[in-house]
């Protein structure tokens, strides 16, 4: 969920596809450190507690998506998620009396970012979880840095890959094949649902590249940029959802609460937690949360949704995370 991601003037990644990733993906790509004034803001809660809370929120996002689809259409789950997330950030903006960004070009770039980082991946994950487990969706979300690495190989990036990072790419996708049980012909896994979850992770990676190249120097606080992006994503879904779904005949309590928590916590509050962590402990430590998400998503799916867990799932997930970590490694000279 992912958001994410969580950056220049844009917020840190949201891994919730969850997961995860907030207004940006949940990719381990390090966001730009917030302004010094933000970094000096005192906080009464230890950063380790907030780190754990963020991991839990984003890890449980895939379970909330699954529960939400039990009562609402996937597009409605995404729309509700964006509405509640936008409401949280909007309330924060009002409390801080911050202005929204200005300039037609900035809003145009934010509209594209909202589609690639929110509207499209959130919807794809919702559709995917109609046929695949929340556990598998969470693991697919963890492939975002692998897609980002692949993009750097295809595009003429200024961040050229090293041998270690290329090896991480191969190891990571080998982990994906392990999770899916490739030697058994992907038996038991829905190809369409799995493909949608992987495309959602790819969308995060593409969106992250777009944001870095178009919005890194934009004026406005991270909260203002993220709130604007979520607002545009909400408008996009508000236009599309009525065309493909009918108004819900009922509003079951369980799915409604799941969608509300997914938006308010998994998209709104999670961004604020991530922003605070980046300001206090730096982007490298803050984005380590990405590697806890599939672990928590797996535990939640098995414990609360009775999802089946073959040996290849945790083993493959571990291989994916190792590969993802390697793709994020840098030589000493390349580190800031």
Protein backbone atom coordinates (compact mmCIF):
# COMPACT_ATOMS: atom_id res chain seq x y z
CA UNK A 1 0.00 0.00 0.00
CA UNK A 2 2.46 1.39 -1.09
CA UNK A 3 2.23 5.41 -1.29
CA UNK A 4 3.42 5.36 -1.11
CA UNK A 5 6.22 5.52 -0.94
CA UNK A 6 7.14 7.74 0.72
CA UNK A 7 10.32 13.55 -1.43
CA UNK A 8 11.60 16.65 -2.71
CA UNK A 9 8.45 18.41 -1.94
CA UNK A 10 6.65 15.12 -2.01
CA UNK A 11 6.24 12.87 1.03
CA UNK A 12 7.99 9.69 1.94
CA UNK A 13 7.00 6.36 0.37
CA UNK A 14 3.84 4.48 1.27
CA UNK A 15 4.41 0.75 1.12
CA UNK A 16 0.86 -0.14 1.68
CA UNK A 17 -0.19 -0.66 -1.78
CA UNK A 18 -0.87 -0.61 0.82
CA UNK A 19 0.33 -0.62 0.86
CA UNK A 20 1.35 0.18 1.04
CA UNK A 21 1.38 1.86 0.54
CA UNK A 22 -0.29 7.79 2.03
CA UNK A 23 0.27 9.81 -1.05
CA UNK A 24 3.32 7.94 -2.15
CA UNK A 25 4.33 4.35 -2.65
CA UNK A 26 5.82 2.02 -0.37
CA UNK A 27 9.09 1.81 -1.97
CA UNK A 28 12.40 1.72 -0.16
CA UNK A 29 13.68 4.57 -2.33
CA UNK A 30 14.91 7.11 0.18
CA UNK A 31 12.86 10.29 0.29
CA UNK A 32 14.41 13.70 0.59
CA UNK A 33 15.00 14.73 4.18
CA UNK A 34 12.47 17.34 5.33
CA UNK A 35 13.44 20.88 6.08
CA UNK A 36 15.55 21.44 9.20
CA UNK A 37 12.69 23.26 10.91
CA UNK A 38 10.57 20.12 10.62
CA UNK A 39 13.37 17.95 11.88
CA UNK A 40 13.64 20.02 15.06
CA UNK A 41 10.01 19.58 16.08
CA UNK A 42 9.93 17.83 19.44
CA UNK A 43 7.91 14.65 19.85
CA UNK A 44 6.70 12.94 23.00
CA UNK A 45 6.63 9.42 21.54
CA UNK A 46 9.87 7.53 20.96
CA UNK A 47 10.62 6.99 17.28
CA UNK A 48 10.85 3.21 17.78
CA UNK A 49 7.25 3.14 18.95
CA UNK A 50 6.14 5.16 15.93
CA UNK A 51 8.23 2.93 13.65
CA UNK A 52 6.46 -0.15 15.06
CA UNK A 53 3.07 1.52 14.69
CA UNK A 54 3.79 2.40 11.06
CA UNK A 55 4.89 -1.16 10.32
CA UNK A 56 1.69 -2.54 11.83
CA UNK A 57 -0.56 -0.05 10.04
CA UNK A 58 0.93 -0.73 6.62
CA UNK A 59 1.25 -4.46 7.26
CA UNK A 60 -2.44 -4.72 8.14
CA UNK A 61 -3.49 -2.65 5.11
CA UNK A 62 -3.73 -5.73 2.90
CA UNK A 63 -6.02 -7.45 5.39
CA UNK A 64 -8.21 -4.32 5.47
CA UNK A 65 -8.40 -4.32 1.67
CA UNK A 66 -9.54 -7.95 1.73
CA UNK A 67 -12.22 -7.24 4.35
CA UNK A 68 -13.36 -4.13 2.47
CA UNK A 69 -13.93 -6.11 -0.73
CA UNK A 70 -16.31 -8.40 1.18
CA UNK A 71 -18.85 -5.58 1.27
CA UNK A 72 -17.93 -3.19 -1.53
CA UNK A 73 -16.67 -3.24 -5.11
CA UNK A 74 -12.92 -2.74 -5.53
CA UNK A 75 -13.36 0.75 -7.00
CA UNK A 76 -15.56 1.70 -4.05
CA UNK A 77 -12.92 0.44 -1.62
CA UNK A 78 -10.31 2.61 -3.31
CA UNK A 79 -12.59 5.65 -3.42
CA UNK A 80 -13.44 5.30 0.25
CA UNK A 81 -9.77 4.87 1.11
CA UNK A 82 -8.85 8.07 -0.70
CA UNK A 83 -11.73 10.02 0.82
CA UNK A 84 -10.76 9.12 4.39
CA UNK A 85 -7.06 9.65 3.71
CA UNK A 86 -7.70 13.05 2.15
CA UNK A 87 -9.87 14.02 5.11
CA UNK A 88 -7.06 13.29 7.58
CA UNK A 89 -4.44 15.30 5.68
CA UNK A 90 -6.97 18.05 5.00
CA UNK A 91 -7.63 18.38 8.72
CA UNK A 92 -3.90 18.62 9.39
CA UNK A 93 -3.51 21.31 6.73
CA UNK A 94 -6.33 23.33 8.26
CA UNK A 95 -4.85 22.98 11.75
CA UNK A 96 -1.44 24.13 10.50
CA UNK A 97 -2.99 26.77 8.23
CA UNK A 98 -0.86 25.62 5.31
CA UNK A 99 -1.69 26.54 1.74
CA UNK A 100 -2.09 24.17 -1.15
CA UNK A 101 0.56 24.34 -3.88
CA UNK A 102 0.15 26.85 -6.71
CA UNK A 103 0.79 26.65 -10.41
CA UNK A 104 -1.01 24.80 -13.19
CA UNK A 105 2.08 22.75 -14.03
CA UNK A 106 2.48 21.56 -10.44
CA UNK A 107 -1.15 20.47 -10.28
CA UNK A 108 -0.77 18.70 -13.62
CA UNK A 109 2.22 16.71 -12.34
CA UNK A 110 0.34 15.96 -9.11
CA UNK A 111 -2.58 14.61 -11.15
CA UNK A 112 -0.27 12.16 -12.93
CA UNK A 113 1.35 11.22 -9.61
CA UNK A 114 -2.07 10.66 -8.06
CA UNK A 115 -2.95 8.23 -10.84
CA UNK A 116 0.33 6.29 -10.74
CA UNK A 117 0.80 6.25 -6.97
CA UNK A 118 -2.76 6.15 -5.67
CA UNK A 119 -5.70 5.63 -8.01
CA UNK A 120 -4.20 2.88 -10.19
CA UNK A 121 -2.24 0.77 -7.66
CA UNK A 122 -4.87 1.05 -4.92
CA UNK A 123 -7.52 -0.14 -7.37
CA UNK A 124 -5.36 -2.95 -8.74
CA UNK A 125 -4.65 -4.28 -5.25
CA UNK A 126 -8.37 -4.19 -4.44
CA UNK A 127 -9.23 -6.15 -7.59
CA UNK A 128 -6.32 -8.53 -7.02
CA UNK A 129 -7.51 -9.45 -3.54
CA UNK A 130 -10.79 -10.69 -4.95
CA UNK A 131 -8.89 -13.79 -6.09
CA UNK A 132 -5.57 -13.86 -4.20
CA UNK A 133 -4.76 -13.83 -0.51
CA UNK A 134 -3.81 -10.70 1.39
CA UNK A 135 -0.54 -12.49 2.17
CA UNK A 136 0.37 -12.79 -1.50
CA UNK A 137 -0.68 -9.19 -2.15
CA UNK A 138 1.63 -7.98 0.61
CA UNK A 139 4.55 -9.93 -0.83
CA UNK A 140 3.86 -8.61 -4.34
CA UNK A 141 3.94 -5.10 -2.90
CA UNK A 142 7.49 -5.77 -1.68
CA UNK A 143 8.64 -6.11 -5.31
CA UNK A 144 8.39 -2.34 -5.84
CA UNK A 145 12.14 -1.74 -5.37
CA UNK A 146 12.83 -4.59 -7.80
CA UNK A 147 10.72 -2.87 -10.45
CA UNK A 148 12.49 0.38 -9.66
CA UNK A 149 15.83 -1.32 -10.20
CA UNK A 150 14.59 -2.76 -13.51
CA UNK A 151 13.51 0.70 -14.63
CA UNK A 152 16.98 2.04 -13.88
CA UNK A 153 18.41 -0.63 -16.18
CA UNK A 154 16.03 0.18 -19.03
CA UNK A 155 16.12 3.97 -18.69
CA UNK A 156 19.24 6.06 -18.98
CA UNK A 157 19.30 6.85 -15.29
CA UNK A 158 21.97 8.90 -13.57
CA UNK A 159 21.92 6.28 -10.83
CA UNK A 160 23.64 3.46 -12.66
CA UNK A 161 23.28 0.00 -11.13
CA UNK A 162 26.18 -1.88 -9.59
CA UNK A 163 26.80 -5.61 -9.86
CA UNK A 164 25.43 -6.08 -6.36
CA UNK A 165 22.21 -4.32 -7.25
CA UNK A 166 21.82 -6.29 -10.48
CA UNK A 167 22.31 -9.47 -8.46
CA UNK A 168 19.64 -8.24 -6.05
CA UNK A 169 17.25 -7.83 -8.97
CA UNK A 170 17.75 -11.45 -10.04
CA UNK A 171 17.50 -12.75 -6.48
CA UNK A 172 14.34 -10.76 -5.85
CA UNK A 173 12.46 -12.07 -8.85
CA UNK A 174 13.67 -15.59 -8.04
CA UNK A 175 11.95 -15.06 -4.71
CA UNK A 176 8.74 -14.09 -6.49
CA UNK A 177 8.86 -17.34 -8.47
CA UNK A 178 9.41 -19.22 -5.21
CA UNK A 179 6.38 -17.59 -3.59
CA UNK A 180 4.24 -18.51 -6.60
CA UNK A 181 5.53 -22.09 -6.72
CA UNK A 182 6.82 -21.87 -10.28
CA UNK A 183 8.05 -25.49 -10.24
CA UNK A 184 4.42 -26.58 -9.74
CA UNK A 185 3.13 -24.52 -12.65
CA UNK A 186 1.88 -21.75 -10.29
CA UNK A 187 -0.75 -24.16 -9.03
CA UNK A 188 -3.21 -22.68 -6.55
CA UNK A 189 -2.45 -19.06 -7.50
CA UNK A 190 -4.73 -16.96 -9.66
CA UNK A 191 -2.60 -15.62 -12.53
CA UNK A 192 -4.79 -12.58 -13.18
CA UNK A 193 -4.93 -11.52 -9.54
CA UNK A 194 -1.21 -12.03 -9.08
CA UNK A 195 -0.47 -10.07 -12.25
CA UNK A 196 -2.61 -7.15 -11.06
CA UNK A 197 -0.76 -7.04 -7.73
CA UNK A 198 2.61 -7.07 -9.50
CA UNK A 199 1.49 -4.34 -11.92
CA UNK A 200 0.38 -2.28 -8.92
CA UNK A 201 3.90 -2.56 -7.50
CA UNK A 202 5.28 -1.57 -10.91
CA UNK A 203 2.98 1.45 -10.95
CA UNK A 204 4.49 2.59 -7.65
CA UNK A 205 7.98 2.34 -9.14
CA UNK A 206 7.02 4.26 -12.30
CA UNK A 207 5.21 6.88 -10.26
CA UNK A 208 8.17 7.31 -7.97
CA UNK A 209 10.48 8.00 -10.91
CA UNK A 210 7.96 10.49 -12.29
CA UNK A 211 7.67 12.30 -8.96
CA UNK A 212 11.43 12.57 -8.52
CA UNK A 213 11.83 14.09 -11.98
CA UNK A 214 8.90 16.50 -11.97
CA UNK A 215 8.07 17.50 -8.39
CA UNK A 216 11.35 17.38 -6.50
CA UNK A 217 11.77 21.15 -6.69
CA UNK A 218 8.13 22.14 -6.32
CA UNK A 219 7.16 24.63 -3.64
CA UNK A 220 5.00 23.54 -0.74
CA UNK A 221 5.29 21.37 2.33
CA UNK A 222 5.21 17.60 2.16
CA UNK A 223 1.79 17.54 3.81
CA UNK A 224 0.38 20.09 1.35
CA UNK A 225 1.75 18.20 -1.65
CA UNK A 226 0.52 14.85 -0.35
CA UNK A 227 -2.90 16.24 0.54
CA UNK A 228 -3.24 17.75 -2.91
CA UNK A 229 -2.19 14.50 -4.54
CA UNK A 230 -4.75 12.52 -2.54
CA UNK A 231 -7.43 15.08 -3.36
CA UNK A 232 -6.74 14.65 -7.09
CA UNK A 233 -6.75 10.86 -6.71
CA UNK A 234 -10.12 11.12 -4.97
CA UNK A 235 -11.54 13.21 -7.81
CA UNK A 236 -10.24 10.70 -10.38
CA UNK A 237 -11.96 7.80 -8.60
CA UNK A 238 -15.11 9.85 -8.01
CA UNK A 239 -15.43 10.28 -11.78
CA UNK A 240 -14.69 6.66 -12.69
CA UNK A 241 -16.42 4.68 -9.94
CA UNK A 242 -20.06 5.57 -10.87
CA UNK A 243 -19.40 4.44 -14.44
CA UNK A 244 -18.49 0.88 -13.43
CA UNK A 245 -20.34 0.30 -10.16
CA UNK A 246 -23.79 0.95 -8.78
CA UNK A 247 -24.48 2.65 -5.47
CA UNK A 248 -24.09 0.14 -2.60
CA UNK A 249 -27.39 -1.40 -1.52
CA UNK A 250 -26.09 -1.59 2.04
CA UNK A 251 -23.15 -0.50 4.15
CA UNK A 252 -22.07 -3.52 6.22
CA UNK A 253 -20.28 -2.43 9.38
CA UNK A 254 -17.19 -4.65 9.08
CA UNK A 255 -16.18 -3.70 5.53
CA UNK A 256 -17.09 -0.04 6.13
CA UNK A 257 -14.84 0.13 9.20
CA UNK A 258 -12.09 -1.62 7.25
CA UNK A 259 -12.25 0.97 4.45
CA UNK A 260 -12.33 3.82 6.97
CA UNK A 261 -9.28 2.44 8.80
CA UNK A 262 -7.51 1.78 5.51
CA UNK A 263 -7.90 5.41 4.49
CA UNK A 264 -7.62 7.26 7.79
CA UNK A 265 -4.83 5.13 9.26
CA UNK A 266 -3.17 3.37 6.33
CA UNK A 267 -3.13 6.44 4.08
CA UNK A 268 -3.53 9.53 6.26
CA UNK A 269 -1.99 8.86 9.68
CA UNK A 270 0.68 6.56 8.21
CA UNK A 271 2.00 9.39 6.06
CA UNK A 272 2.28 11.69 9.06
CA UNK A 273 4.14 8.98 11.00
CA UNK A 274 6.51 8.39 8.09
CA UNK A 275 7.14 12.10 7.63
CA UNK A 276 8.01 12.44 11.32
CA UNK A 277 10.36 9.46 11.19
CA UNK A 278 12.19 10.80 8.14
CA UNK A 279 12.63 14.12 9.91
CA UNK A 280 13.91 12.55 13.12
CA UNK A 281 15.99 9.51 12.16
CA UNK A 282 16.59 10.08 8.44
CA UNK A 283 15.23 8.43 5.29
CA UNK A 284 17.49 5.37 5.41
CA UNK A 285 16.22 4.21 8.81
CA UNK A 286 12.65 5.31 8.17
CA UNK A 287 12.28 3.34 4.94
CA UNK A 288 13.39 0.11 6.63
CA UNK A 289 9.71 -0.19 7.48
CA UNK A 290 9.25 -1.52 3.95
CA UNK A 291 10.87 -4.81 4.91
CA UNK A 292 8.52 -5.46 7.83
CA UNK A 293 5.33 -5.04 5.78
CA UNK A 294 5.17 -8.48 4.07
CA UNK A 295 6.02 -10.19 7.35
CA UNK A 296 3.14 -8.48 9.15
CA UNK A 297 0.80 -8.92 6.17
CA UNK A 298 1.54 -12.65 6.17
CA UNK A 299 1.03 -13.02 9.92
CA UNK A 300 -2.24 -11.05 9.80
CA UNK A 301 -3.61 -13.01 6.85
CA UNK A 302 -2.84 -16.38 8.41
CA UNK A 303 -3.96 -15.52 11.95
CA UNK A 304 -7.09 -13.47 11.22
CA UNK A 305 -8.27 -14.62 7.80
CA UNK A 306 -7.22 -18.28 8.03
CA UNK A 307 -5.20 -17.98 4.82
CA UNK A 308 -3.14 -21.02 3.89
CA UNK A 309 0.62 -20.74 4.16
CA UNK A 310 2.81 -23.14 2.19
CA UNK A 311 6.53 -23.36 3.01
CA UNK A 312 7.37 -21.58 -0.25
CA UNK A 313 5.57 -18.40 0.82
CA UNK A 314 7.76 -17.32 3.76
CA UNK A 315 10.90 -18.66 2.09
CA UNK A 316 10.15 -16.81 -1.14
CA UNK A 317 9.23 -13.65 0.77
CA UNK A 318 12.58 -13.74 2.55
CA UNK A 319 14.37 -14.10 -0.79
CA UNK A 320 12.38 -11.15 -2.19
CA UNK A 321 13.38 -8.96 0.75
CA UNK A 322 17.04 -9.93 0.43
CA UNK A 323 16.97 -9.03 -3.25
CA UNK A 324 15.14 -5.77 -2.53
CA UNK A 325 17.73 -4.84 0.09
CA UNK A 326 20.56 -5.49 -2.36
CA UNK A 327 18.94 -3.30 -5.02
CA UNK A 328 18.99 -0.42 -2.55
CA UNK A 329 22.68 -0.79 -1.71
CA UNK A 330 25.10 1.91 -2.79
CA UNK A 331 28.84 2.20 -2.99
CA UNK A 332 30.38 4.42 -0.32
CA UNK A 333 31.17 7.13 -2.82
CA UNK A 334 27.55 7.25 -3.97
CA UNK A 335 26.11 7.70 -0.50
CA UNK A 336 25.02 11.21 0.48
